[in-house]
Protein backbone atom coordinates (compact mmCIF):
# COMPACT_ATOMS: atom_id res chain seq x y z
CA UNK A 1 0.00 0.00 0.00
CA UNK A 2 2.74 2.43 0.97
CA UNK A 3 4.78 1.57 -2.14
CA UNK A 4 1.79 2.37 -4.35
CA UNK A 5 1.28 5.74 -2.70
CA UNK A 6 4.96 6.56 -2.99
CA UNK A 7 5.08 5.65 -6.67
CA UNK A 8 1.97 7.74 -7.35
CA UNK A 9 3.60 10.68 -5.59
CA UNK A 10 6.73 10.33 -7.72
CA UNK A 11 4.63 10.20 -10.89
CA UNK A 12 2.71 13.32 -9.86
CA UNK A 13 5.97 15.05 -8.96
CA UNK A 14 7.38 14.21 -12.40
CA UNK A 15 4.25 15.53 -14.11
CA UNK A 16 4.44 18.78 -12.15
CA UNK A 17 8.15 19.24 -12.97
CA UNK A 18 7.40 18.64 -16.65
CA UNK A 19 4.60 21.22 -16.56
CA UNK A 20 6.91 23.71 -14.87
CA UNK A 21 9.63 23.05 -17.46
CA UNK A 22 7.14 23.60 -20.31
CA UNK A 23 6.01 26.87 -18.70
CA UNK A 24 9.59 28.16 -18.43
CA UNK A 25 10.43 27.10 -21.98
CA UNK A 26 7.34 28.83 -23.40
CA UNK A 27 8.07 31.95 -21.33
CA UNK A 28 11.66 32.09 -22.51
CA UNK A 29 10.48 31.47 -26.07
CA UNK A 30 8.46 34.69 -25.87
CA UNK A 31 11.69 36.67 -25.47
CA UNK A 32 12.44 36.01 -29.15
CA UNK A 33 10.39 38.54 -31.14
CA UNK A 34 9.61 36.17 -34.02
CA UNK A 35 8.12 33.54 -31.74
CA UNK A 36 6.06 36.17 -29.90
CA UNK A 37 4.68 37.45 -33.20
CA UNK A 38 3.86 33.90 -34.32
CA UNK A 39 1.85 33.35 -31.14
CA UNK A 40 -0.04 36.61 -31.60
CA UNK A 41 -0.92 35.72 -35.19
CA UNK A 42 -1.99 32.23 -34.12
CA UNK A 43 -4.19 33.57 -31.32
CA UNK A 44 -5.85 36.05 -33.69
CA UNK A 45 -6.67 33.31 -36.18
CA UNK A 46 -8.11 31.17 -33.37
CA UNK A 47 -10.16 34.19 -32.28
CA UNK A 48 -11.55 34.60 -35.80
CA UNK A 49 -12.53 30.95 -35.93
CA UNK A 50 -14.25 31.27 -32.55
CA UNK A 51 -16.12 34.37 -33.74
CA UNK A 52 -17.35 32.47 -36.81
CA UNK A 53 -18.56 29.58 -34.67
CA UNK A 54 -20.43 31.95 -32.34
CA UNK A 55 -22.07 33.67 -35.32
CA UNK A 56 -23.15 30.28 -36.68
CA UNK A 57 -24.65 29.28 -33.34
CA UNK A 58 -26.52 32.56 -32.99
CA UNK A 59 -27.87 32.25 -36.52
CA UNK A 60 -28.92 28.65 -35.90
CA UNK A 61 -30.84 29.64 -32.78
CA UNK A 62 -32.69 32.38 -34.62
CA UNK A 63 -33.48 30.11 -37.53
CA UNK A 64 -31.87 32.46 -40.01
CA UNK A 65 -29.44 31.37 -42.72
CA UNK A 66 -25.76 31.62 -41.81
CA UNK A 67 -23.87 34.50 -43.45
CA UNK A 68 -20.29 34.06 -44.53
CA UNK A 69 -17.92 36.18 -42.44
PDB file of N, CA and C in Angstrom:
ATOM      1  N   UNK A   1       0.826  -1.193   0.000  1.00  0.00           N
ATOM      2  CA  UNK A   1       0.000   0.000   0.000  1.00  0.00           C
ATOM      3  C   UNK A   1       0.871   1.258   0.000  1.00  0.00           C
ATOM      4  N   UNK A   2       1.870   1.267   0.869  1.00  0.00           N
ATOM      5  CA  UNK A   2       2.744   2.427   0.968  1.00  0.00           C
ATOM      6  C   UNK A   2       3.578   2.608  -0.297  1.00  0.00           C
ATOM      7  N   UNK A   3       3.990   1.485  -0.902  1.00  0.00           N
ATOM      8  CA  UNK A   3       4.775   1.566  -2.136  1.00  0.00           C
ATOM      9  C   UNK A   3       3.947   2.163  -3.270  1.00  0.00           C
ATOM     10  N   UNK A   4       2.659   1.822  -3.318  1.00  0.00           N
ATOM     11  CA  UNK A   4       1.788   2.374  -4.353  1.00  0.00           C
ATOM     12  C   UNK A   4       1.629   3.874  -4.187  1.00  0.00           C
ATOM     13  N   UNK A   5       1.436   4.307  -2.951  1.00  0.00           N
ATOM     14  CA  UNK A   5       1.285   5.740  -2.700  1.00  0.00           C
ATOM     15  C   UNK A   5       2.566   6.494  -3.044  1.00  0.00           C
ATOM     16  N   UNK A   6       3.687   5.917  -2.704  1.00  0.00           N
ATOM     17  CA  UNK A   6       4.962   6.557  -2.990  1.00  0.00           C
ATOM     18  C   UNK A   6       5.208   6.651  -4.490  1.00  0.00           C
ATOM     19  N   UNK A   7       4.881   5.610  -5.220  1.00  0.00           N
ATOM     20  CA  UNK A   7       5.077   5.648  -6.670  1.00  0.00           C
ATOM     21  C   UNK A   7       4.134   6.648  -7.326  1.00  0.00           C
ATOM     22  N   UNK A   8       2.917   6.747  -6.811  1.00  0.00           N
ATOM     23  CA  UNK A   8       1.971   7.738  -7.351  1.00  0.00           C
ATOM     24  C   UNK A   8       2.483   9.146  -7.085  1.00  0.00           C
ATOM     25  N   UNK A   9       3.053   9.364  -5.915  1.00  0.00           N
ATOM     26  CA  UNK A   9       3.602  10.678  -5.595  1.00  0.00           C
ATOM     27  C   UNK A   9       4.772  11.031  -6.502  1.00  0.00           C
ATOM     28  N   UNK A  10       5.622  10.054  -6.801  1.00  0.00           N
ATOM     29  CA  UNK A  10       6.731  10.329  -7.722  1.00  0.00           C
ATOM     30  C   UNK A  10       6.220  10.630  -9.125  1.00  0.00           C
ATOM     31  N   UNK A  11       5.207   9.935  -9.563  1.00  0.00           N
ATOM     32  CA  UNK A  11       4.630  10.196 -10.891  1.00  0.00           C
ATOM     33  C   UNK A  11       4.044  11.603 -10.939  1.00  0.00           C
ATOM     34  N   UNK A  12       3.291  11.966  -9.907  1.00  0.00           N
ATOM     35  CA  UNK A  12       2.713  13.317  -9.858  1.00  0.00           C
ATOM     36  C   UNK A  12       3.793  14.393  -9.775  1.00  0.00           C
ATOM     37  N   UNK A  13       4.855  14.115  -9.045  1.00  0.00           N
ATOM     38  CA  UNK A  13       5.968  15.055  -8.965  1.00  0.00           C
ATOM     39  C   UNK A  13       6.629  15.227 -10.330  1.00  0.00           C
ATOM     40  N   UNK A  14       6.815  14.138 -11.055  1.00  0.00           N
ATOM     41  CA  UNK A  14       7.382  14.209 -12.405  1.00  0.00           C
ATOM     42  C   UNK A  14       6.498  14.997 -13.351  1.00  0.00           C
ATOM     43  N   UNK A  15       5.185  14.784 -13.257  1.00  0.00           N
ATOM     44  CA  UNK A  15       4.248  15.530 -14.109  1.00  0.00           C
ATOM     45  C   UNK A  15       4.317  17.019 -13.797  1.00  0.00           C
ATOM     46  N   UNK A  16       4.385  17.360 -12.506  1.00  0.00           N
ATOM     47  CA  UNK A  16       4.439  18.779 -12.146  1.00  0.00           C
ATOM     48  C   UNK A  16       5.753  19.419 -12.591  1.00  0.00           C
ATOM     49  N   UNK A  17       6.870  18.691 -12.482  1.00  0.00           N
ATOM     50  CA  UNK A  17       8.147  19.241 -12.966  1.00  0.00           C
ATOM     51  C   UNK A  17       8.119  19.430 -14.487  1.00  0.00           C
ATOM     52  N   UNK A  18       7.496  18.509 -15.199  1.00  0.00           N
ATOM     53  CA  UNK A  18       7.401  18.639 -16.650  1.00  0.00           C
ATOM     54  C   UNK A  18       6.542  19.841 -17.025  1.00  0.00           C
ATOM     55  N   UNK A  19       5.444  20.052 -16.299  1.00  0.00           N
ATOM     56  CA  UNK A  19       4.597  21.218 -16.560  1.00  0.00           C
ATOM     57  C   UNK A  19       5.350  22.513 -16.273  1.00  0.00           C
ATOM     58  N   UNK A  20       6.121  22.529 -15.200  1.00  0.00           N
ATOM     59  CA  UNK A  20       6.914  23.710 -14.868  1.00  0.00           C
ATOM     60  C   UNK A  20       7.976  23.975 -15.929  1.00  0.00           C
ATOM     61  N   UNK A  21       8.623  22.908 -16.404  1.00  0.00           N
ATOM     62  CA  UNK A  21       9.630  23.054 -17.459  1.00  0.00           C
ATOM     63  C   UNK A  21       8.995  23.602 -18.732  1.00  0.00           C
ATOM     64  N   UNK A  22       7.833  23.093 -19.103  1.00  0.00           N
ATOM     65  CA  UNK A  22       7.145  23.605 -20.305  1.00  0.00           C
ATOM     66  C   UNK A  22       6.780  25.075 -20.154  1.00  0.00           C
ATOM     67  N   UNK A  23       6.346  25.470 -18.942  1.00  0.00           N
ATOM     68  CA  UNK A  23       6.011  26.868 -18.701  1.00  0.00           C
ATOM     69  C   UNK A  23       7.238  27.760 -18.884  1.00  0.00           C
ATOM     70  N   UNK A  24       8.370  27.363 -18.298  1.00  0.00           N
ATOM     71  CA  UNK A  24       9.587  28.163 -18.431  1.00  0.00           C
ATOM     72  C   UNK A  24      10.065  28.214 -19.875  1.00  0.00           C
ATOM     73  N   UNK A  25       9.994  27.107 -20.587  1.00  0.00           N
ATOM     74  CA  UNK A  25      10.427  27.100 -21.983  1.00  0.00           C
ATOM     75  C   UNK A  25       9.546  28.018 -22.820  1.00  0.00           C
ATOM     76  N   UNK A  26       8.225  27.956 -22.608  1.00  0.00           N
ATOM     77  CA  UNK A  26       7.342  28.826 -23.398  1.00  0.00           C
ATOM     78  C   UNK A  26       7.539  30.289 -23.023  1.00  0.00           C
ATOM     79  N   UNK A  27       7.817  30.565 -21.739  1.00  0.00           N
ATOM     80  CA  UNK A  27       8.066  31.950 -21.328  1.00  0.00           C
ATOM     81  C   UNK A  27       9.365  32.475 -21.932  1.00  0.00           C
ATOM     82  N   UNK A  28      10.403  31.667 -21.910  1.00  0.00           N
ATOM     83  CA  UNK A  28      11.663  32.094 -22.510  1.00  0.00           C
ATOM     84  C   UNK A  28      11.549  32.207 -24.027  1.00  0.00           C
ATOM     85  N   UNK A  29      10.703  31.406 -24.620  1.00  0.00           N
ATOM     86  CA  UNK A  29      10.483  31.469 -26.066  1.00  0.00           C
ATOM     87  C   UNK A  29       9.862  32.801 -26.468  1.00  0.00           C
ATOM     88  N   UNK A  30       9.084  33.401 -25.571  1.00  0.00           N
ATOM     89  CA  UNK A  30       8.461  34.687 -25.874  1.00  0.00           C
ATOM     90  C   UNK A  30       9.464  35.835 -25.926  1.00  0.00           C
ATOM     91  N   UNK A  31      10.670  35.622 -25.411  1.00  0.00           N
ATOM     92  CA  UNK A  31      11.685  36.675 -25.471  1.00  0.00           C
ATOM     93  C   UNK A  31      12.210  36.880 -26.894  1.00  0.00           C
ATOM     94  N   UNK A  32      12.062  35.866 -27.736  1.00  0.00           N
ATOM     95  CA  UNK A  32      12.443  36.011 -29.145  1.00  0.00           C
ATOM     96  C   UNK A  32      11.267  36.661 -29.878  1.00  0.00           C
ATOM     97  N   UNK A  33      11.496  37.806 -30.516  1.00  0.00           N
ATOM     98  CA  UNK A  33      10.390  38.537 -31.139  1.00  0.00           C
ATOM     99  C   UNK A  33       9.622  37.723 -32.184  1.00  0.00           C
ATOM    100  N   UNK A  34      10.320  36.907 -32.975  1.00  0.00           N
ATOM    101  CA  UNK A  34       9.609  36.174 -34.022  1.00  0.00           C
ATOM    102  C   UNK A  34       8.654  35.137 -33.444  1.00  0.00           C
ATOM    103  N   UNK A  35       9.029  34.516 -32.337  1.00  0.00           N
ATOM    104  CA  UNK A  35       8.115  33.537 -31.738  1.00  0.00           C
ATOM    105  C   UNK A  35       6.930  34.235 -31.075  1.00  0.00           C
ATOM    106  N   UNK A  36       7.160  35.410 -30.498  1.00  0.00           N
ATOM    107  CA  UNK A  36       6.056  36.165 -29.901  1.00  0.00           C
ATOM    108  C   UNK A  36       5.060  36.595 -30.974  1.00  0.00           C
ATOM    109  N   UNK A  37       5.564  37.033 -32.113  1.00  0.00           N
ATOM    110  CA  UNK A  37       4.685  37.451 -33.202  1.00  0.00           C
ATOM    111  C   UNK A  37       3.902  36.262 -33.744  1.00  0.00           C
ATOM    112  N   UNK A  38       4.559  35.106 -33.854  1.00  0.00           N
ATOM    113  CA  UNK A  38       3.855  33.903 -34.317  1.00  0.00           C
ATOM    114  C   UNK A  38       2.706  33.545 -33.387  1.00  0.00           C
ATOM    115  N   UNK A  39       2.928  33.666 -32.089  1.00  0.00           N
ATOM    116  CA  UNK A  39       1.854  33.353 -31.139  1.00  0.00           C
ATOM    117  C   UNK A  39       0.707  34.342 -31.235  1.00  0.00           C
ATOM    118  N   UNK A  40       1.017  35.605 -31.457  1.00  0.00           N
ATOM    119  CA  UNK A  40      -0.042  36.609 -31.604  1.00  0.00           C
ATOM    120  C   UNK A  40      -0.866  36.325 -32.844  1.00  0.00           C
ATOM    121  N   UNK A  41      -0.206  36.018 -33.943  1.00  0.00           N
ATOM    122  CA  UNK A  41      -0.922  35.718 -35.188  1.00  0.00           C
ATOM    123  C   UNK A  41      -1.780  34.476 -35.014  1.00  0.00           C
ATOM    124  N   UNK A  42      -1.244  33.473 -34.341  1.00  0.00           N
ATOM    125  CA  UNK A  42      -1.990  32.230 -34.116  1.00  0.00           C
ATOM    126  C   UNK A  42      -3.215  32.496 -33.243  1.00  0.00           C
ATOM    127  N   UNK A  43      -3.055  33.299 -32.197  1.00  0.00           N
ATOM    128  CA  UNK A  43      -4.194  33.573 -31.316  1.00  0.00           C
ATOM    129  C   UNK A  43      -5.262  34.395 -32.030  1.00  0.00           C
ATOM    130  N   UNK A  44      -4.853  35.276 -32.933  1.00  0.00           N
ATOM    131  CA  UNK A  44      -5.846  36.046 -33.694  1.00  0.00           C
ATOM    132  C   UNK A  44      -6.631  35.154 -34.639  1.00  0.00           C
ATOM    133  N   UNK A  45      -5.955  34.205 -35.275  1.00  0.00           N
ATOM    134  CA  UNK A  45      -6.674  33.312 -36.183  1.00  0.00           C
ATOM    135  C   UNK A  45      -7.617  32.399 -35.403  1.00  0.00           C
ATOM    136  N   UNK A  46      -7.219  31.978 -34.214  1.00  0.00           N
ATOM    137  CA  UNK A  46      -8.105  31.171 -33.371  1.00  0.00           C
ATOM    138  C   UNK A  46      -9.301  32.016 -32.937  1.00  0.00           C
ATOM    139  N   UNK A  47      -9.070  33.282 -32.652  1.00  0.00           N
ATOM    140  CA  UNK A  47     -10.157  34.188 -32.283  1.00  0.00           C
ATOM    141  C   UNK A  47     -11.147  34.377 -33.415  1.00  0.00           C
ATOM    142  N   UNK A  48     -10.657  34.474 -34.644  1.00  0.00           N
ATOM    143  CA  UNK A  48     -11.554  34.604 -35.796  1.00  0.00           C
ATOM    144  C   UNK A  48     -12.399  33.356 -35.974  1.00  0.00           C
ATOM    145  N   UNK A  49     -11.784  32.206 -35.809  1.00  0.00           N
ATOM    146  CA  UNK A  49     -12.527  30.952 -35.931  1.00  0.00           C
ATOM    147  C   UNK A  49     -13.608  30.874 -34.850  1.00  0.00           C
ATOM    148  N   UNK A  50     -13.266  31.280 -33.641  1.00  0.00           N
ATOM    149  CA  UNK A  50     -14.246  31.268 -32.550  1.00  0.00           C
ATOM    150  C   UNK A  50     -15.390  32.239 -32.843  1.00  0.00           C
ATOM    151  N   UNK A  51     -15.082  33.417 -33.388  1.00  0.00           N
ATOM    152  CA  UNK A  51     -16.125  34.374 -33.742  1.00  0.00           C
ATOM    153  C   UNK A  51     -17.061  33.807 -34.799  1.00  0.00           C
ATOM    154  N   UNK A  52     -16.513  33.091 -35.776  1.00  0.00           N
ATOM    155  CA  UNK A  52     -17.351  32.475 -36.809  1.00  0.00           C
ATOM    156  C   UNK A  52     -18.273  31.414 -36.213  1.00  0.00           C
ATOM    157  N   UNK A  53     -17.735  30.613 -35.298  1.00  0.00           N
ATOM    158  CA  UNK A  53     -18.561  29.583 -34.668  1.00  0.00           C
ATOM    159  C   UNK A  53     -19.690  30.195 -33.844  1.00  0.00           C
ATOM    160  N   UNK A  54     -19.395  31.272 -33.126  1.00  0.00           N
ATOM    161  CA  UNK A  54     -20.427  31.946 -32.341  1.00  0.00           C
ATOM    162  C   UNK A  54     -21.500  32.515 -33.263  1.00  0.00           C
ATOM    163  N   UNK A  55     -21.099  33.116 -34.371  1.00  0.00           N
ATOM    164  CA  UNK A  55     -22.071  33.666 -35.316  1.00  0.00           C
ATOM    165  C   UNK A  55     -22.951  32.558 -35.896  1.00  0.00           C
ATOM    166  N   UNK A  56     -22.363  31.399 -36.161  1.00  0.00           N
ATOM    167  CA  UNK A  56     -23.147  30.283 -36.684  1.00  0.00           C
ATOM    168  C   UNK A  56     -24.146  29.785 -35.643  1.00  0.00           C
ATOM    169  N   UNK A  57     -23.740  29.723 -34.385  1.00  0.00           N
ATOM    170  CA  UNK A  57     -24.654  29.276 -33.342  1.00  0.00           C
ATOM    171  C   UNK A  57     -25.791  30.261 -33.125  1.00  0.00           C
ATOM    172  N   UNK A  58     -25.487  31.543 -33.157  1.00  0.00           N
ATOM    173  CA  UNK A  58     -26.525  32.563 -32.986  1.00  0.00           C
ATOM    174  C   UNK A  58     -27.506  32.488 -34.144  1.00  0.00           C
ATOM    175  N   UNK A  59     -27.001  32.343 -35.351  1.00  0.00           N
ATOM    176  CA  UNK A  59     -27.871  32.254 -36.517  1.00  0.00           C
ATOM    177  C   UNK A  59     -28.725  30.984 -36.469  1.00  0.00           C
ATOM    178  N   UNK A  60     -28.166  29.901 -35.986  1.00  0.00           N
ATOM    179  CA  UNK A  60     -28.919  28.647 -35.898  1.00  0.00           C
ATOM    180  C   UNK A  60     -30.035  28.756 -34.860  1.00  0.00           C
ATOM    181  N   UNK A  61     -29.802  29.459 -33.798  1.00  0.00           N
ATOM    182  CA  UNK A  61     -30.839  29.636 -32.778  1.00  0.00           C
ATOM    183  C   UNK A  61     -31.973  30.515 -33.278  1.00  0.00           C
ATOM    184  N   UNK A  62     -31.662  31.467 -34.089  1.00  0.00           N
ATOM    185  CA  UNK A  62     -32.687  32.377 -34.617  1.00  0.00           C
ATOM    186  C   UNK A  62     -33.411  31.786 -35.815  1.00  0.00           C
ATOM    187  N   UNK A  63     -32.851  30.729 -36.382  1.00  0.00           N
ATOM    188  CA  UNK A  63     -33.478  30.107 -37.534  1.00  0.00           C
ATOM    189  C   UNK A  63     -33.198  30.836 -38.844  1.00  0.00           C
ATOM    190  N   UNK A  64     -32.220  31.710 -38.815  1.00  0.00           N
ATOM    191  CA  UNK A  64     -31.867  32.461 -40.006  1.00  0.00           C
ATOM    192  C   UNK A  64     -30.716  31.755 -40.718  1.00  0.00           C
ATOM    193  N   UNK A  65     -30.579  31.971 -42.013  1.00  0.00           N
ATOM    194  CA  UNK A  65     -29.439  31.369 -42.722  1.00  0.00           C
ATOM    195  C   UNK A  65     -28.124  31.988 -42.242  1.00  0.00           C
ATOM    196  N   UNK A  66     -27.083  31.196 -42.268  1.00  0.00           N
ATOM    197  CA  UNK A  66     -25.761  31.622 -41.813  1.00  0.00           C
ATOM    198  C   UNK A  66     -25.099  32.452 -42.900  1.00  0.00           C
ATOM    199  N   UNK A  67     -24.583  33.636 -42.508  1.00  0.00           N
ATOM    200  CA  UNK A  67     -23.875  34.496 -43.449  1.00  0.00           C
ATOM    201  C   UNK A  67     -22.396  34.207 -43.353  1.00  0.00           C
ATOM    202  N   UNK A  68     -21.745  34.253 -44.516  1.00  0.00           N
ATOM    203  CA  UNK A  68     -20.285  34.058 -44.529  1.00  0.00           C
ATOM    204  C   UNK A  68     -19.622  35.288 -43.948  1.00  0.00           C
ATOM    205  N   UNK A  69     -18.653  35.056 -43.077  1.00  0.00           N
ATOM    206  CA  UNK A  69     -17.920  36.178 -42.443  1.00  0.00           C
ATOM    207  C   UNK A  69     -16.559  36.299 -43.051  1.00  0.00           C
TER     208      UNK A  69
END
